N, C-alpha and C. Protein backbone atom coordinates (compact mmCIF):
# COMPACT_ATOMS: atom_id res chain seq x y z
N MET A 1 129.82 -32.28 -235.68
CA MET A 1 130.31 -32.15 -234.31
C MET A 1 131.67 -31.48 -234.33
N GLU A 2 131.89 -30.61 -233.38
CA GLU A 2 133.17 -29.94 -233.24
C GLU A 2 134.19 -30.89 -232.63
N ILE A 3 135.46 -30.53 -232.73
CA ILE A 3 136.52 -31.40 -232.24
C ILE A 3 136.39 -31.67 -230.73
N GLY A 4 136.00 -30.65 -229.96
CA GLY A 4 135.80 -30.84 -228.52
C GLY A 4 134.68 -31.82 -228.24
N SER A 5 133.60 -31.72 -229.00
CA SER A 5 132.47 -32.64 -228.83
C SER A 5 132.86 -34.05 -229.21
N TRP A 6 133.66 -34.19 -230.27
CA TRP A 6 134.15 -35.53 -230.64
C TRP A 6 134.98 -36.12 -229.53
N GLY A 7 135.86 -35.33 -228.96
CA GLY A 7 136.69 -35.82 -227.86
C GLY A 7 135.85 -36.23 -226.67
N LEU A 8 134.86 -35.42 -226.33
CA LEU A 8 133.95 -35.77 -225.23
C LEU A 8 133.20 -37.05 -225.53
N TRP A 9 132.73 -37.17 -226.77
CA TRP A 9 131.96 -38.35 -227.15
C TRP A 9 132.82 -39.61 -227.02
N VAL A 10 134.03 -39.57 -227.54
CA VAL A 10 134.93 -40.73 -227.46
C VAL A 10 135.25 -41.08 -226.01
N ALA A 11 135.55 -40.07 -225.20
CA ALA A 11 135.85 -40.32 -223.78
C ALA A 11 134.66 -40.95 -223.07
N HIS A 12 133.46 -40.49 -223.39
CA HIS A 12 132.27 -41.08 -222.75
C HIS A 12 132.01 -42.50 -223.24
N VAL A 13 132.33 -42.80 -224.49
CA VAL A 13 132.20 -44.18 -224.98
C VAL A 13 133.17 -45.09 -224.21
N ILE A 14 134.38 -44.61 -224.00
CA ILE A 14 135.36 -45.39 -223.23
C ILE A 14 134.87 -45.59 -221.80
N GLY A 15 134.36 -44.54 -221.18
CA GLY A 15 133.82 -44.66 -219.83
C GLY A 15 132.66 -45.64 -219.76
N ALA A 16 131.78 -45.60 -220.74
CA ALA A 16 130.64 -46.53 -220.79
C ALA A 16 131.14 -47.97 -220.93
N SER A 17 132.22 -48.15 -221.68
CA SER A 17 132.79 -49.49 -221.84
C SER A 17 133.31 -50.02 -220.52
N PHE A 18 134.04 -49.19 -219.78
CA PHE A 18 134.53 -49.61 -218.46
C PHE A 18 133.37 -49.95 -217.53
N CYS A 19 132.34 -49.11 -217.53
CA CYS A 19 131.19 -49.36 -216.66
C CYS A 19 130.43 -50.62 -217.08
N SER A 20 130.39 -50.89 -218.37
CA SER A 20 129.73 -52.11 -218.84
C SER A 20 130.45 -53.35 -218.33
N ILE A 21 131.77 -53.30 -218.34
CA ILE A 21 132.55 -54.43 -217.82
C ILE A 21 132.28 -54.59 -216.33
N LEU A 22 132.28 -53.49 -215.60
CA LEU A 22 131.99 -53.56 -214.16
C LEU A 22 130.58 -54.08 -213.90
N LEU A 23 129.63 -53.64 -214.70
CA LEU A 23 128.25 -54.09 -214.52
C LEU A 23 128.11 -55.57 -214.86
N SER A 24 128.83 -56.03 -215.86
CA SER A 24 128.77 -57.46 -216.20
C SER A 24 129.30 -58.30 -215.04
N ARG A 25 130.29 -57.79 -214.35
CA ARG A 25 130.81 -58.48 -213.17
C ARG A 25 129.74 -58.55 -212.07
N GLU A 26 128.98 -57.45 -211.93
CA GLU A 26 127.90 -57.42 -210.94
C GLU A 26 126.81 -58.43 -211.29
N ILE A 27 126.48 -58.51 -212.56
CA ILE A 27 125.40 -59.40 -213.00
C ILE A 27 125.83 -60.86 -213.00
N LEU A 28 127.03 -61.13 -213.52
CA LEU A 28 127.51 -62.50 -213.68
C LEU A 28 128.22 -63.03 -212.44
N GLY A 29 128.50 -62.17 -211.51
CA GLY A 29 129.29 -62.58 -210.35
C GLY A 29 130.76 -62.47 -210.69
N SER A 30 131.60 -63.08 -209.88
CA SER A 30 133.03 -63.00 -210.09
C SER A 30 133.39 -63.76 -211.37
N ASP A 31 133.71 -63.01 -212.38
CA ASP A 31 133.99 -63.57 -213.70
C ASP A 31 135.49 -63.56 -213.94
N LYS A 32 136.05 -64.68 -214.41
CA LYS A 32 137.49 -64.77 -214.57
C LYS A 32 138.01 -63.78 -215.62
N TYR A 33 137.20 -63.46 -216.63
CA TYR A 33 137.64 -62.50 -217.64
C TYR A 33 137.69 -61.08 -217.07
N VAL A 34 136.71 -60.74 -216.28
CA VAL A 34 136.72 -59.42 -215.64
C VAL A 34 137.90 -59.33 -214.67
N ASN A 35 138.15 -60.41 -213.94
CA ASN A 35 139.28 -60.43 -213.02
C ASN A 35 140.60 -60.28 -213.77
N LYS A 36 140.70 -60.90 -214.95
CA LYS A 36 141.92 -60.74 -215.77
C LYS A 36 142.07 -59.31 -216.24
N ILE A 37 140.96 -58.71 -216.66
CA ILE A 37 141.02 -57.31 -217.09
C ILE A 37 141.43 -56.43 -215.92
N CYS A 38 140.88 -56.73 -214.76
CA CYS A 38 141.18 -55.92 -213.57
C CYS A 38 142.65 -56.00 -213.21
N SER A 39 143.25 -57.17 -213.32
CA SER A 39 144.66 -57.32 -212.97
C SER A 39 145.58 -56.98 -214.14
N LEU A 40 145.01 -56.70 -215.30
CA LEU A 40 145.81 -56.36 -216.47
C LEU A 40 146.54 -55.03 -216.27
N PHE A 41 145.86 -54.05 -215.66
CA PHE A 41 146.43 -52.73 -215.47
C PHE A 41 147.40 -52.70 -214.29
N LEU A 42 146.97 -53.26 -213.19
CA LEU A 42 147.79 -53.28 -211.97
C LEU A 42 147.90 -54.73 -211.50
N LYS A 43 149.10 -55.24 -211.40
CA LYS A 43 149.27 -56.64 -210.99
C LYS A 43 148.76 -56.87 -209.58
N SER A 44 148.82 -55.86 -208.75
CA SER A 44 148.36 -56.02 -207.37
C SER A 44 146.88 -55.67 -207.22
N SER A 45 146.20 -55.47 -208.35
CA SER A 45 144.80 -55.06 -208.31
C SER A 45 143.88 -56.25 -208.09
N ASP A 46 142.92 -56.04 -207.22
CA ASP A 46 141.87 -57.03 -207.02
C ASP A 46 140.56 -56.27 -206.91
N CYS A 47 139.80 -56.28 -207.96
CA CYS A 47 138.56 -55.51 -207.99
C CYS A 47 137.53 -56.03 -206.99
N SER A 48 137.64 -57.28 -206.62
CA SER A 48 136.64 -57.87 -205.73
C SER A 48 136.54 -57.14 -204.40
N GLY A 49 137.68 -56.73 -203.86
CA GLY A 49 137.67 -56.03 -202.58
C GLY A 49 136.83 -54.77 -202.63
N THR A 50 136.95 -54.03 -203.72
CA THR A 50 136.20 -52.79 -203.87
C THR A 50 134.77 -53.07 -204.30
N LEU A 51 134.60 -53.95 -205.29
CA LEU A 51 133.27 -54.19 -205.84
C LEU A 51 132.34 -54.96 -204.90
N ASP A 52 132.92 -55.66 -203.94
CA ASP A 52 132.11 -56.38 -202.97
C ASP A 52 132.00 -55.63 -201.64
N SER A 53 132.56 -54.44 -201.58
CA SER A 53 132.53 -53.68 -200.33
C SER A 53 131.15 -53.09 -200.08
N GLN A 54 130.96 -52.63 -198.87
CA GLN A 54 129.69 -52.05 -198.46
C GLN A 54 129.34 -50.80 -199.27
N ALA A 55 130.36 -50.06 -199.66
CA ALA A 55 130.13 -48.79 -200.37
C ALA A 55 129.99 -48.96 -201.88
N SER A 56 129.92 -50.20 -202.36
CA SER A 56 129.81 -50.40 -203.80
C SER A 56 128.39 -50.14 -204.32
N HIS A 57 127.49 -49.85 -203.39
CA HIS A 57 126.10 -49.56 -203.76
C HIS A 57 125.68 -48.22 -203.12
N PHE A 58 124.82 -47.52 -203.81
CA PHE A 58 124.24 -46.28 -203.29
C PHE A 58 122.74 -46.37 -203.51
N LEU A 59 121.99 -46.24 -202.43
CA LEU A 59 120.53 -46.40 -202.48
C LEU A 59 120.14 -47.77 -203.03
N GLY A 60 120.98 -48.77 -202.75
CA GLY A 60 120.70 -50.13 -203.19
C GLY A 60 121.06 -50.40 -204.65
N ILE A 61 121.65 -49.42 -205.32
CA ILE A 61 122.00 -49.57 -206.73
C ILE A 61 123.51 -49.53 -206.86
N ASN A 62 124.05 -50.45 -207.64
CA ASN A 62 125.49 -50.52 -207.85
C ASN A 62 125.99 -49.26 -208.54
N TRP A 63 127.16 -48.78 -208.10
CA TRP A 63 127.74 -47.57 -208.69
C TRP A 63 127.96 -47.71 -210.20
N SER A 64 128.21 -48.93 -210.67
CA SER A 64 128.44 -49.12 -212.12
C SER A 64 127.17 -48.81 -212.92
N VAL A 65 126.00 -49.00 -212.32
CA VAL A 65 124.75 -48.64 -213.00
C VAL A 65 124.66 -47.12 -213.14
N PHE A 66 125.00 -46.41 -212.06
CA PHE A 66 125.02 -44.94 -212.14
C PHE A 66 126.04 -44.47 -213.18
N GLY A 67 127.21 -45.08 -213.17
CA GLY A 67 128.24 -44.70 -214.12
C GLY A 67 127.82 -44.96 -215.56
N LEU A 68 127.25 -46.13 -215.81
CA LEU A 68 126.81 -46.45 -217.16
C LEU A 68 125.71 -45.49 -217.61
N GLY A 69 124.78 -45.18 -216.72
CA GLY A 69 123.72 -44.22 -217.04
C GLY A 69 124.29 -42.84 -217.33
N TYR A 70 125.28 -42.44 -216.54
CA TYR A 70 125.94 -41.14 -216.73
C TYR A 70 126.60 -41.08 -218.11
N PHE A 71 127.40 -42.09 -218.42
CA PHE A 71 128.13 -42.07 -219.69
C PHE A 71 127.20 -42.23 -220.89
N LEU A 72 126.20 -43.12 -220.80
CA LEU A 72 125.28 -43.30 -221.93
C LEU A 72 124.44 -42.05 -222.18
N SER A 73 123.97 -41.41 -221.12
CA SER A 73 123.18 -40.19 -221.31
C SER A 73 124.05 -39.09 -221.93
N ALA A 74 125.32 -39.03 -221.55
CA ALA A 74 126.22 -38.04 -222.14
C ALA A 74 126.46 -38.35 -223.62
N ILE A 75 126.63 -39.62 -223.96
CA ILE A 75 126.84 -40.02 -225.36
C ILE A 75 125.64 -39.60 -226.20
N LEU A 76 124.44 -39.90 -225.71
CA LEU A 76 123.23 -39.55 -226.45
C LEU A 76 123.06 -38.03 -226.55
N SER A 77 123.33 -37.33 -225.47
CA SER A 77 123.20 -35.87 -225.48
C SER A 77 124.16 -35.23 -226.47
N ILE A 78 125.39 -35.68 -226.47
CA ILE A 78 126.39 -35.11 -227.37
C ILE A 78 126.03 -35.41 -228.83
N ALA A 79 125.55 -36.62 -229.08
CA ALA A 79 125.23 -37.02 -230.46
C ALA A 79 123.94 -36.39 -230.97
N LEU A 80 122.92 -36.34 -230.11
CA LEU A 80 121.60 -35.90 -230.57
C LEU A 80 121.29 -34.44 -230.28
N LEU A 81 121.87 -33.91 -229.21
CA LEU A 81 121.59 -32.53 -228.81
C LEU A 81 122.90 -31.78 -228.52
N PRO A 82 123.73 -31.64 -229.52
CA PRO A 82 125.04 -31.03 -229.26
C PRO A 82 124.97 -29.60 -228.73
N GLN A 83 123.87 -28.92 -228.97
CA GLN A 83 123.75 -27.55 -228.46
C GLN A 83 123.64 -27.52 -226.93
N TYR A 84 123.36 -28.66 -226.33
CA TYR A 84 123.25 -28.74 -224.87
C TYR A 84 124.45 -29.41 -224.22
N VAL A 85 125.57 -29.45 -224.92
CA VAL A 85 126.76 -30.10 -224.38
C VAL A 85 127.23 -29.43 -223.09
N ILE A 86 126.89 -28.18 -222.89
CA ILE A 86 127.26 -27.49 -221.65
C ILE A 86 126.66 -28.18 -220.43
N TYR A 87 125.50 -28.80 -220.58
CA TYR A 87 124.89 -29.53 -219.47
C TYR A 87 125.65 -30.81 -219.17
N VAL A 88 126.17 -31.45 -220.21
CA VAL A 88 127.01 -32.63 -220.03
C VAL A 88 128.27 -32.22 -219.27
N GLU A 89 128.84 -31.10 -219.65
CA GLU A 89 130.04 -30.61 -218.98
C GLU A 89 129.75 -30.24 -217.53
N THR A 90 128.58 -29.69 -217.27
CA THR A 90 128.20 -29.33 -215.90
C THR A 90 128.05 -30.59 -215.05
N LEU A 91 127.41 -31.62 -215.58
CA LEU A 91 127.27 -32.88 -214.85
C LEU A 91 128.64 -33.49 -214.58
N ASN A 92 129.55 -33.33 -215.51
CA ASN A 92 130.89 -33.83 -215.33
C ASN A 92 131.56 -33.16 -214.13
N ILE A 93 131.40 -31.85 -214.01
CA ILE A 93 131.97 -31.12 -212.87
C ILE A 93 131.35 -31.59 -211.56
N ILE A 94 130.05 -31.84 -211.59
CA ILE A 94 129.36 -32.33 -210.39
C ILE A 94 129.88 -33.71 -209.99
N ALA A 95 130.30 -34.52 -210.96
CA ALA A 95 130.78 -35.88 -210.68
C ALA A 95 132.21 -35.92 -210.14
N LEU A 96 132.96 -34.84 -210.29
CA LEU A 96 134.37 -34.85 -209.88
C LEU A 96 134.59 -35.19 -208.39
N PRO A 97 133.80 -34.65 -207.46
CA PRO A 97 134.03 -35.03 -206.06
C PRO A 97 133.86 -36.53 -205.80
N TYR A 98 132.96 -37.17 -206.53
CA TYR A 98 132.79 -38.62 -206.38
C TYR A 98 134.08 -39.35 -206.72
N THR A 99 134.79 -38.87 -207.73
CA THR A 99 136.02 -39.55 -208.12
C THR A 99 137.05 -39.49 -206.99
N ALA A 100 137.14 -38.32 -206.34
CA ALA A 100 138.07 -38.18 -205.22
C ALA A 100 137.67 -39.11 -204.08
N TRP A 101 136.38 -39.19 -203.79
CA TRP A 101 135.91 -40.09 -202.73
C TRP A 101 136.22 -41.54 -203.08
N SER A 102 136.01 -41.93 -204.32
CA SER A 102 136.25 -43.31 -204.74
C SER A 102 137.71 -43.69 -204.58
N VAL A 103 138.60 -42.83 -204.99
CA VAL A 103 140.04 -43.10 -204.85
C VAL A 103 140.40 -43.17 -203.37
N TRP A 104 139.89 -42.22 -202.58
CA TRP A 104 140.13 -42.23 -201.13
C TRP A 104 139.63 -43.53 -200.51
N TYR A 105 138.43 -43.95 -200.87
CA TYR A 105 137.83 -45.16 -200.30
C TYR A 105 138.68 -46.40 -200.62
N GLN A 106 139.13 -46.48 -201.86
CA GLN A 106 139.95 -47.64 -202.24
C GLN A 106 141.28 -47.64 -201.49
N LYS A 107 141.87 -46.47 -201.34
CA LYS A 107 143.19 -46.37 -200.71
C LYS A 107 143.13 -46.61 -199.20
N PHE A 108 142.16 -45.98 -198.53
CA PHE A 108 142.17 -45.98 -197.07
C PHE A 108 141.16 -46.92 -196.41
N ARG A 109 140.08 -47.23 -197.06
CA ARG A 109 139.07 -48.12 -196.46
C ARG A 109 139.26 -49.57 -196.89
N VAL A 110 139.23 -49.80 -198.20
CA VAL A 110 139.36 -51.16 -198.71
C VAL A 110 140.82 -51.58 -198.75
N LYS A 111 141.70 -50.61 -198.95
CA LYS A 111 143.14 -50.84 -199.04
C LYS A 111 143.49 -51.79 -200.18
N GLN A 112 142.71 -51.67 -201.24
CA GLN A 112 142.95 -52.41 -202.48
C GLN A 112 142.54 -51.52 -203.63
N TRP A 113 143.26 -51.65 -204.72
CA TRP A 113 142.91 -50.88 -205.90
C TRP A 113 142.06 -51.70 -206.85
N CYS A 114 141.05 -51.07 -207.40
CA CYS A 114 140.23 -51.66 -208.46
C CYS A 114 140.62 -50.92 -209.74
N ALA A 115 141.38 -51.58 -210.61
CA ALA A 115 141.89 -50.93 -211.81
C ALA A 115 140.76 -50.44 -212.71
N LEU A 116 139.70 -51.21 -212.82
CA LEU A 116 138.57 -50.78 -213.65
C LEU A 116 137.89 -49.55 -213.04
N CYS A 117 137.75 -49.56 -211.73
CA CYS A 117 137.14 -48.40 -211.05
C CYS A 117 138.01 -47.16 -211.25
N LEU A 118 139.31 -47.32 -211.12
CA LEU A 118 140.23 -46.20 -211.33
C LEU A 118 140.18 -45.72 -212.78
N SER A 119 139.95 -46.65 -213.70
CA SER A 119 139.83 -46.27 -215.11
C SER A 119 138.60 -45.40 -215.34
N VAL A 120 137.51 -45.74 -214.66
CA VAL A 120 136.30 -44.92 -214.75
C VAL A 120 136.58 -43.54 -214.18
N GLN A 121 137.23 -43.48 -213.02
CA GLN A 121 137.53 -42.19 -212.40
C GLN A 121 138.43 -41.35 -213.30
N ALA A 122 139.43 -41.99 -213.90
CA ALA A 122 140.33 -41.28 -214.82
C ALA A 122 139.56 -40.76 -216.03
N THR A 123 138.61 -41.53 -216.51
CA THR A 123 137.82 -41.10 -217.67
C THR A 123 136.99 -39.87 -217.33
N VAL A 124 136.44 -39.81 -216.13
CA VAL A 124 135.68 -38.63 -215.71
C VAL A 124 136.60 -37.41 -215.73
N TRP A 125 137.82 -37.56 -215.23
CA TRP A 125 138.76 -36.44 -215.23
C TRP A 125 139.22 -36.08 -216.65
N ILE A 126 139.39 -37.08 -217.50
CA ILE A 126 139.78 -36.80 -218.89
C ILE A 126 138.67 -36.02 -219.59
N THR A 127 137.42 -36.38 -219.35
CA THR A 127 136.32 -35.62 -219.97
C THR A 127 136.30 -34.18 -219.45
N PHE A 128 136.64 -34.01 -218.18
CA PHE A 128 136.72 -32.66 -217.62
C PHE A 128 137.81 -31.86 -218.34
N LEU A 129 138.97 -32.47 -218.53
CA LEU A 129 140.07 -31.77 -219.21
C LEU A 129 139.72 -31.47 -220.67
N ILE A 130 139.04 -32.39 -221.33
CA ILE A 130 138.60 -32.14 -222.70
C ILE A 130 137.62 -30.97 -222.72
N SER A 131 136.72 -30.93 -221.74
CA SER A 131 135.77 -29.82 -221.65
C SER A 131 136.50 -28.49 -221.48
N LEU A 132 137.50 -28.47 -220.61
CA LEU A 132 138.28 -27.24 -220.43
C LEU A 132 138.94 -26.82 -221.73
N PHE A 133 139.49 -27.78 -222.45
CA PHE A 133 140.14 -27.49 -223.72
C PHE A 133 139.10 -26.96 -224.72
N ALA A 134 137.94 -27.63 -224.78
CA ALA A 134 136.90 -27.22 -225.74
C ALA A 134 136.37 -25.83 -225.41
N ILE A 135 136.15 -25.56 -224.13
CA ILE A 135 135.67 -24.24 -223.72
C ILE A 135 136.73 -23.19 -224.04
N GLY A 136 138.00 -23.52 -223.78
CA GLY A 136 139.08 -22.61 -224.11
C GLY A 136 139.13 -22.32 -225.60
N MET A 137 138.91 -23.33 -226.41
CA MET A 137 138.89 -23.14 -227.86
C MET A 137 137.70 -22.27 -228.26
N ASP A 138 136.56 -22.47 -227.61
CA ASP A 138 135.38 -21.65 -227.91
C ASP A 138 135.63 -20.19 -227.57
N PHE A 139 136.27 -19.94 -226.40
CA PHE A 139 136.60 -18.56 -226.05
C PHE A 139 137.57 -17.96 -227.08
N TYR A 140 138.55 -18.76 -227.45
CA TYR A 140 139.55 -18.29 -228.42
C TYR A 140 138.89 -17.96 -229.76
N ASN A 141 137.93 -18.76 -230.18
CA ASN A 141 137.26 -18.56 -231.45
C ASN A 141 136.17 -17.49 -231.37
N GLY A 142 135.94 -16.94 -230.18
CA GLY A 142 134.98 -15.84 -230.04
C GLY A 142 133.53 -16.28 -229.92
N ILE A 143 133.31 -17.54 -229.59
CA ILE A 143 131.92 -18.01 -229.46
C ILE A 143 131.28 -17.40 -228.22
N TYR A 144 132.03 -17.34 -227.12
CA TYR A 144 131.51 -16.74 -225.89
C TYR A 144 131.97 -15.29 -225.84
N LEU A 145 131.11 -14.41 -226.15
CA LEU A 145 131.45 -12.99 -226.15
C LEU A 145 130.86 -12.33 -224.92
N ILE A 146 131.64 -11.52 -224.26
CA ILE A 146 131.16 -10.79 -223.09
C ILE A 146 130.60 -9.46 -223.57
N SER A 147 129.35 -9.20 -223.23
CA SER A 147 128.70 -7.96 -223.69
C SER A 147 128.99 -6.85 -222.71
């Protein structure tokens, strides 16, 4: 694996970890350990306001399930099919507007921050930046040649 792919893989593992914690909260209910993790980053953070809100589900499915599926599929794609990493990067670009909506929703609708949710959003942006760096390195190394 190239350095850019390693960076993407690590970032997606971190994102999957955040989503797993969020999903465990969904399955187990309000868990004191998840609440501690949520308030660990921001003292004024209360994930319950966001995670129990009306918009915490899409098509009846919790957003953390979508996030976990997104990150796990990216991890598998990068590890098993590295030649198709461009598709992982494309999905990442498609996910960027969701991150803006999520931050907007927490700020203006729920008026509470969910530190774990923000961590997932930050991870999506970090993977985007890693992709830009990796693509830039590929151009620099002459992998993408314009005919």
